[in-house]
Amino acid sequence: MSEMIYVKKQNFVIRSARLEDAIAIRKMVFKTFVEYGIAADPDDDDRDIMCFGVPKANVVELVTVFGDVPVGSAILTGGDDGRVKLTKYYLDKDYRGFGAGVAMLQAAVSTARQLGYNEIFLKTRARYKEAVQLYESTGWVRGADQPGPGPERVYAIRFSED
């Protein structure tokens, strides 16, 4: 499968994931967990990042690259119900503030729409204040909070049927 370029800016590129991105992306995600005081769960909630870059059915993985350094990730996993889940939407804190986070989120939403899904949704934690602010400022609608361990907030964008 050929590499897909989703966004190309002066400072960064958002492209499809490669297997060789896996280690850098895992380190970045786990570094972000430490930044926010989150325990990694590679056997459950975080198992998708453990096989990052390996092609999978109904999965699109995006990588944000500054120069040749992978610094951001987003995983879209399609379901049979017409919905696609966005997970592992992270950007290394040293690369925030350049527009890459917004561009990666827009690329994920655009890709979900182009693939024909009716809705894109994600689960997040209230402590990810910057991400929550971004979702709320870009049209994501907050759903009912989820009980139990793990991310408690749900956000979604429903695509209109044209």
C-alpha atoms as a PDB file:
ATOM      1  CA  MET A   1       0.000   0.000   0.000  1.00  0.00           C
ATOM      2  CA  SER A   2       1.350   3.434  -0.892  1.00  0.00           C
ATOM      3  CA  GLU A   3       1.951   6.115   1.689  1.00  0.00           C
ATOM      4  CA  MET A   4      -0.787   8.685   2.070  1.00  0.00           C
ATOM      5  CA  ILE A   5       0.062  12.332   2.762  1.00  0.00           C
ATOM      6  CA  TYR A   6      -2.857  13.975   4.579  1.00  0.00           C
ATOM      7  CA  VAL A   7      -1.321  17.384   5.314  1.00  0.00           C
ATOM      8  CA  LYS A   8       1.906  19.028   4.203  1.00  0.00           C
ATOM      9  CA  LYS A   9       2.918  22.258   5.942  1.00  0.00           C
ATOM     10  CA  GLN A  10       6.183  24.148   6.188  1.00  0.00           C
ATOM     11  CA  ASN A  11       7.043  22.707   9.625  1.00  0.00           C
ATOM     12  CA  PHE A  12       5.365  19.311   9.565  1.00  0.00           C
ATOM     13  CA  VAL A  13       3.739  16.549   7.537  1.00  0.00           C
ATOM     14  CA  ILE A  14       0.824  14.312   8.509  1.00  0.00           C
ATOM     15  CA  ARG A  15       1.042  10.980   6.736  1.00  0.00           C
ATOM     16  CA  SER A  16       0.047   7.358   7.059  1.00  0.00           C
ATOM     17  CA  ALA A  17       1.952   5.364   9.659  1.00  0.00           C
ATOM     18  CA  ARG A  18       4.905   3.145   8.885  1.00  0.00           C
ATOM     19  CA  LEU A  19       6.144   0.227  10.941  1.00  0.00           C
ATOM     20  CA  GLU A  20       9.379   2.111  11.626  1.00  0.00           C
ATOM     21  CA  ASP A  21       7.326   4.839  13.387  1.00  0.00           C
ATOM     22  CA  ALA A  22       6.175   2.428  16.086  1.00  0.00           C
ATOM     23  CA  ILE A  23       8.926   2.853  18.676  1.00  0.00           C
ATOM     24  CA  ALA A  24       9.003   6.657  18.487  1.00  0.00           C
ATOM     25  CA  ILE A  25       5.204   6.866  18.663  1.00  0.00           C
ATOM     26  CA  ARG A  26       4.966   4.476  21.626  1.00  0.00           C
ATOM     27  CA  LYS A  27       7.612   6.495  23.487  1.00  0.00           C
ATOM     28  CA  MET A  28       5.767   9.734  22.736  1.00  0.00           C
ATOM     29  CA  VAL A  29       2.404   8.330  23.890  1.00  0.00           C
ATOM     30  CA  PHE A  30       3.835   6.872  27.102  1.00  0.00           C
ATOM     31  CA  LYS A  31       5.741  10.133  27.751  1.00  0.00           C
ATOM     32  CA  THR A  32       2.407  11.952  27.451  1.00  0.00           C
ATOM     33  CA  PHE A  33       0.843   9.519  29.935  1.00  0.00           C
ATOM     34  CA  VAL A  34       3.612  10.387  32.414  1.00  0.00           C
ATOM     35  CA  GLU A  35       3.063  14.112  31.739  1.00  0.00           C
ATOM     36  CA  TYR A  36      -0.586  13.740  32.795  1.00  0.00           C
ATOM     37  CA  GLY A  37      -0.118  11.104  35.513  1.00  0.00           C
ATOM     38  CA  ILE A  38      -1.847   8.293  33.592  1.00  0.00           C
ATOM     39  CA  ALA A  39      -0.863   4.630  33.982  1.00  0.00           C
ATOM     40  CA  ALA A  40      -0.356   2.810  30.674  1.00  0.00           C
ATOM     41  CA  ASP A  41      -2.493  -0.270  30.035  1.00  0.00           C
ATOM     42  CA  PRO A  42      -0.819  -2.091  27.110  1.00  0.00           C
ATOM     43  CA  ASP A  43      -3.006  -5.181  27.572  1.00  0.00           C
ATOM     44  CA  ASP A  44      -6.328  -3.329  27.241  1.00  0.00           C
ATOM     45  CA  ASP A  45      -6.936   0.378  26.526  1.00  0.00           C
ATOM     46  CA  ASP A  46      -3.483   0.887  25.035  1.00  0.00           C
ATOM     47  CA  ARG A  47      -3.068  -2.305  23.048  1.00  0.00           C
ATOM     48  CA  ASP A  48      -3.649  -0.365  19.807  1.00  0.00           C
ATOM     49  CA  ILE A  49      -0.414   1.558  20.306  1.00  0.00           C
ATOM     50  CA  MET A  50       1.531  -1.665  20.883  1.00  0.00           C
ATOM     51  CA  CYS A  51       1.032  -2.704  17.237  1.00  0.00           C
ATOM     52  CA  PHE A  52       1.204   0.784  15.735  1.00  0.00           C
ATOM     53  CA  GLY A  53       2.327   0.855  12.108  1.00  0.00           C
ATOM     54  CA  VAL A  54       1.202  -2.696  11.359  1.00  0.00           C
ATOM     55  CA  PRO A  55      -1.557  -2.658   8.697  1.00  0.00           C
ATOM     56  CA  LYS A  56      -4.934  -3.775  10.070  1.00  0.00           C
ATOM     57  CA  ALA A  57      -8.410  -4.058   8.560  1.00  0.00           C
ATOM     58  CA  ASN A  58     -10.675  -1.048   9.204  1.00  0.00           C
ATOM     59  CA  VAL A  59      -7.833   0.919  10.830  1.00  0.00           C
ATOM     60  CA  VAL A  60      -6.169   4.124   9.624  1.00  0.00           C
ATOM     61  CA  GLU A  61      -3.131   5.373  11.521  1.00  0.00           C
ATOM     62  CA  LEU A  62      -1.851   8.915  11.048  1.00  0.00           C
ATOM     63  CA  VAL A  63       1.559  10.221  12.079  1.00  0.00           C
ATOM     64  CA  THR A  64       2.678  13.819  12.452  1.00  0.00           C
ATOM     65  CA  VAL A  65       6.325  14.262  11.510  1.00  0.00           C
ATOM     66  CA  PHE A  66       8.576  17.281  12.069  1.00  0.00           C
ATOM     67  CA  GLY A  67      11.592  16.795   9.802  1.00  0.00           C
ATOM     68  CA  ASP A  68      12.010  13.046  10.030  1.00  0.00           C
ATOM     69  CA  VAL A  69      10.882  12.754  13.672  1.00  0.00           C
ATOM     70  CA  PRO A  70       7.451  11.172  14.392  1.00  0.00           C
ATOM     71  CA  VAL A  71       5.889  13.340  17.118  1.00  0.00           C
ATOM     72  CA  GLY A  72       2.127  12.809  16.855  1.00  0.00           C
ATOM     73  CA  SER A  73      -0.378  10.019  16.377  1.00  0.00           C
ATOM     74  CA  ALA A  74      -4.037   9.407  15.665  1.00  0.00           C
ATOM     75  CA  ILE A  75      -5.720   6.039  15.126  1.00  0.00           C
ATOM     76  CA  LEU A  76      -9.107   5.628  13.427  1.00  0.00           C
ATOM     77  CA  THR A  77     -10.812   2.272  13.994  1.00  0.00           C
ATOM     78  CA  GLY A  78     -13.985   1.646  12.025  1.00  0.00           C
ATOM     79  CA  GLY A  79     -16.945  -0.253  13.375  1.00  0.00           C
ATOM     80  CA  ASP A  80     -19.808  -2.092  11.694  1.00  0.00           C
ATOM     81  CA  ASP A  81     -22.278   0.460  13.089  1.00  0.00           C
ATOM     82  CA  GLY A  82     -21.216   3.298  10.772  1.00  0.00           C
ATOM     83  CA  ARG A  83     -19.072   4.893  13.466  1.00  0.00           C
ATOM     84  CA  VAL A  84     -15.317   5.297  13.673  1.00  0.00           C
ATOM     85  CA  LYS A  85     -13.410   5.691  16.927  1.00  0.00           C
ATOM     86  CA  LEU A  86     -10.473   8.082  17.229  1.00  0.00           C
ATOM     87  CA  THR A  87      -7.839   6.857  19.678  1.00  0.00           C
ATOM     88  CA  LYS A  88      -4.260   7.726  20.524  1.00  0.00           C
ATOM     89  CA  TYR A  89      -4.645  11.316  19.407  1.00  0.00           C
ATOM     90  CA  TYR A  90      -1.437  12.652  20.953  1.00  0.00           C
ATOM     91  CA  LEU A  91       1.194  15.217  20.081  1.00  0.00           C
ATOM     92  CA  ASP A  92       4.546  15.488  21.852  1.00  0.00           C
ATOM     93  CA  LYS A  93       4.423  18.535  24.131  1.00  0.00           C
ATOM     94  CA  ASP A  94       7.617  19.937  22.573  1.00  0.00           C
ATOM     95  CA  TYR A  95       5.806  20.224  19.219  1.00  0.00           C
ATOM     96  CA  ARG A  96       2.556  21.815  20.367  1.00  0.00           C
ATOM     97  CA  GLY A  97       1.721  25.357  19.316  1.00  0.00           C
ATOM     98  CA  PHE A  98       2.628  24.990  15.628  1.00  0.00           C
ATOM     99  CA  GLY A  99      -0.851  24.031  14.404  1.00  0.00           C
ATOM    100  CA  ALA A 100      -0.047  20.335  14.087  1.00  0.00           C
ATOM    101  CA  GLY A 101      -2.612  19.236  16.677  1.00  0.00           C
ATOM    102  CA  VAL A 102      -5.466  21.045  14.947  1.00  0.00           C
ATOM    103  CA  ALA A 103      -4.298  19.810  11.535  1.00  0.00           C
ATOM    104  CA  MET A 104      -4.087  16.208  12.750  1.00  0.00           C
ATOM    105  CA  LEU A 105      -7.580  16.390  14.260  1.00  0.00           C
ATOM    106  CA  GLN A 106      -8.969  17.907  11.050  1.00  0.00           C
ATOM    107  CA  ALA A 107      -7.228  15.203   8.991  1.00  0.00           C
ATOM    108  CA  ALA A 108      -8.776  12.484  11.177  1.00  0.00           C
ATOM    109  CA  VAL A 109     -12.273  13.971  10.838  1.00  0.00           C
ATOM    110  CA  SER A 110     -11.881  14.475   7.091  1.00  0.00           C
ATOM    111  CA  THR A 111     -10.592  10.924   6.623  1.00  0.00           C
ATOM    112  CA  ALA A 112     -13.504   9.463   8.606  1.00  0.00           C
ATOM    113  CA  ARG A 113     -15.968  11.406   6.467  1.00  0.00           C
ATOM    114  CA  GLN A 114     -14.245  10.389   3.205  1.00  0.00           C
ATOM    115  CA  LEU A 115     -14.354   6.742   4.266  1.00  0.00           C
ATOM    116  CA  GLY A 116     -18.145   7.016   4.539  1.00  0.00           C
ATOM    117  CA  TYR A 117     -18.641   6.840   8.290  1.00  0.00           C
ATOM    118  CA  ASN A 118     -21.702   8.519   9.831  1.00  0.00           C
ATOM    119  CA  GLU A 119     -19.927   9.569  13.007  1.00  0.00           C
ATOM    120  CA  ILE A 120     -16.491   9.934  14.547  1.00  0.00           C
ATOM    121  CA  PHE A 121     -16.180   9.661  18.317  1.00  0.00           C
ATOM    122  CA  LEU A 122     -13.506   9.564  20.965  1.00  0.00           C
ATOM    123  CA  LYS A 123     -13.101   9.046  24.672  1.00  0.00           C
ATOM    124  CA  THR A 124     -10.827  11.305  26.683  1.00  0.00           C
ATOM    125  CA  ARG A 125     -10.014  12.415  30.188  1.00  0.00           C
ATOM    126  CA  ALA A 126     -10.934  15.765  31.727  1.00  0.00           C
ATOM    127  CA  ARG A 127      -7.294  16.197  32.769  1.00  0.00           C
ATOM    128  CA  TYR A 128      -6.291  16.495  29.088  1.00  0.00           C
ATOM    129  CA  LYS A 129      -7.380  20.134  29.288  1.00  0.00           C
ATOM    130  CA  GLU A 130      -5.741  21.257  26.035  1.00  0.00           C
ATOM    131  CA  ALA A 131      -7.332  18.435  24.060  1.00  0.00           C
ATOM    132  CA  VAL A 132     -10.755  18.982  25.643  1.00  0.00           C
ATOM    133  CA  GLN A 133     -10.563  22.686  24.791  1.00  0.00           C
ATOM    134  CA  LEU A 134      -9.615  21.787  21.206  1.00  0.00           C
ATOM    135  CA  TYR A 135     -12.524  19.338  20.811  1.00  0.00           C
ATOM    136  CA  GLU A 136     -15.023  21.809  22.211  1.00  0.00           C
ATOM    137  CA  SER A 137     -13.727  24.661  20.032  1.00  0.00           C
ATOM    138  CA  THR A 138     -13.853  22.606  16.820  1.00  0.00           C
ATOM    139  CA  GLY A 139     -17.430  21.357  16.922  1.00  0.00           C
ATOM    140  CA  TRP A 140     -17.159  18.088  18.840  1.00  0.00           C
ATOM    141  CA  VAL A 141     -20.280  17.442  20.934  1.00  0.00           C
ATOM    142  CA  ARG A 142     -19.823  16.131  24.454  1.00  0.00           C
ATOM    143  CA  GLY A 143     -21.845  13.062  25.337  1.00  0.00           C
ATOM    144  CA  ALA A 144     -22.667  11.495  28.687  1.00  0.00           C
ATOM    145  CA  ASP A 145     -19.695  10.775  30.929  1.00  0.00           C
ATOM    146  CA  GLN A 146     -18.650   7.128  31.179  1.00  0.00           C
ATOM    147  CA  PRO A 147     -18.328   5.356  34.543  1.00  0.00           C
ATOM    148  CA  GLY A 148     -15.403   3.271  35.687  1.00  0.00           C
ATOM    149  CA  PRO A 149     -11.692   3.390  35.084  1.00  0.00           C
ATOM    150  CA  GLY A 150     -10.296   4.873  31.911  1.00  0.00           C
ATOM    151  CA  PRO A 151     -11.350   7.913  29.922  1.00  0.00           C
ATOM    152  CA  GLU A 152     -14.591   9.342  31.271  1.00  0.00           C
ATOM    153  CA  ARG A 153     -15.570  11.862  28.595  1.00  0.00           C
ATOM    154  CA  VAL A 154     -17.049  11.089  25.193  1.00  0.00           C
ATOM    155  CA  TYR A 155     -17.062  13.513  22.267  1.00  0.00           C
ATOM    156  CA  ALA A 156     -18.461  12.996  18.768  1.00  0.00           C
ATOM    157  CA  ILE A 157     -19.095  14.619  15.420  1.00  0.00           C
ATOM    158  CA  ARG A 158     -22.033  13.319  13.421  1.00  0.00           C
ATOM    159  CA  PHE A 159     -21.737  13.815   9.681  1.00  0.00           C
ATOM    160  CA  SER A 160     -24.784  15.104   7.850  1.00  0.00           C
ATOM    161  CA  GLU A 161     -26.077  12.999   5.016  1.00  0.00           C
ATOM    162  CA  ASP A 162     -25.705  15.096   1.883  1.00  0.00           C
END
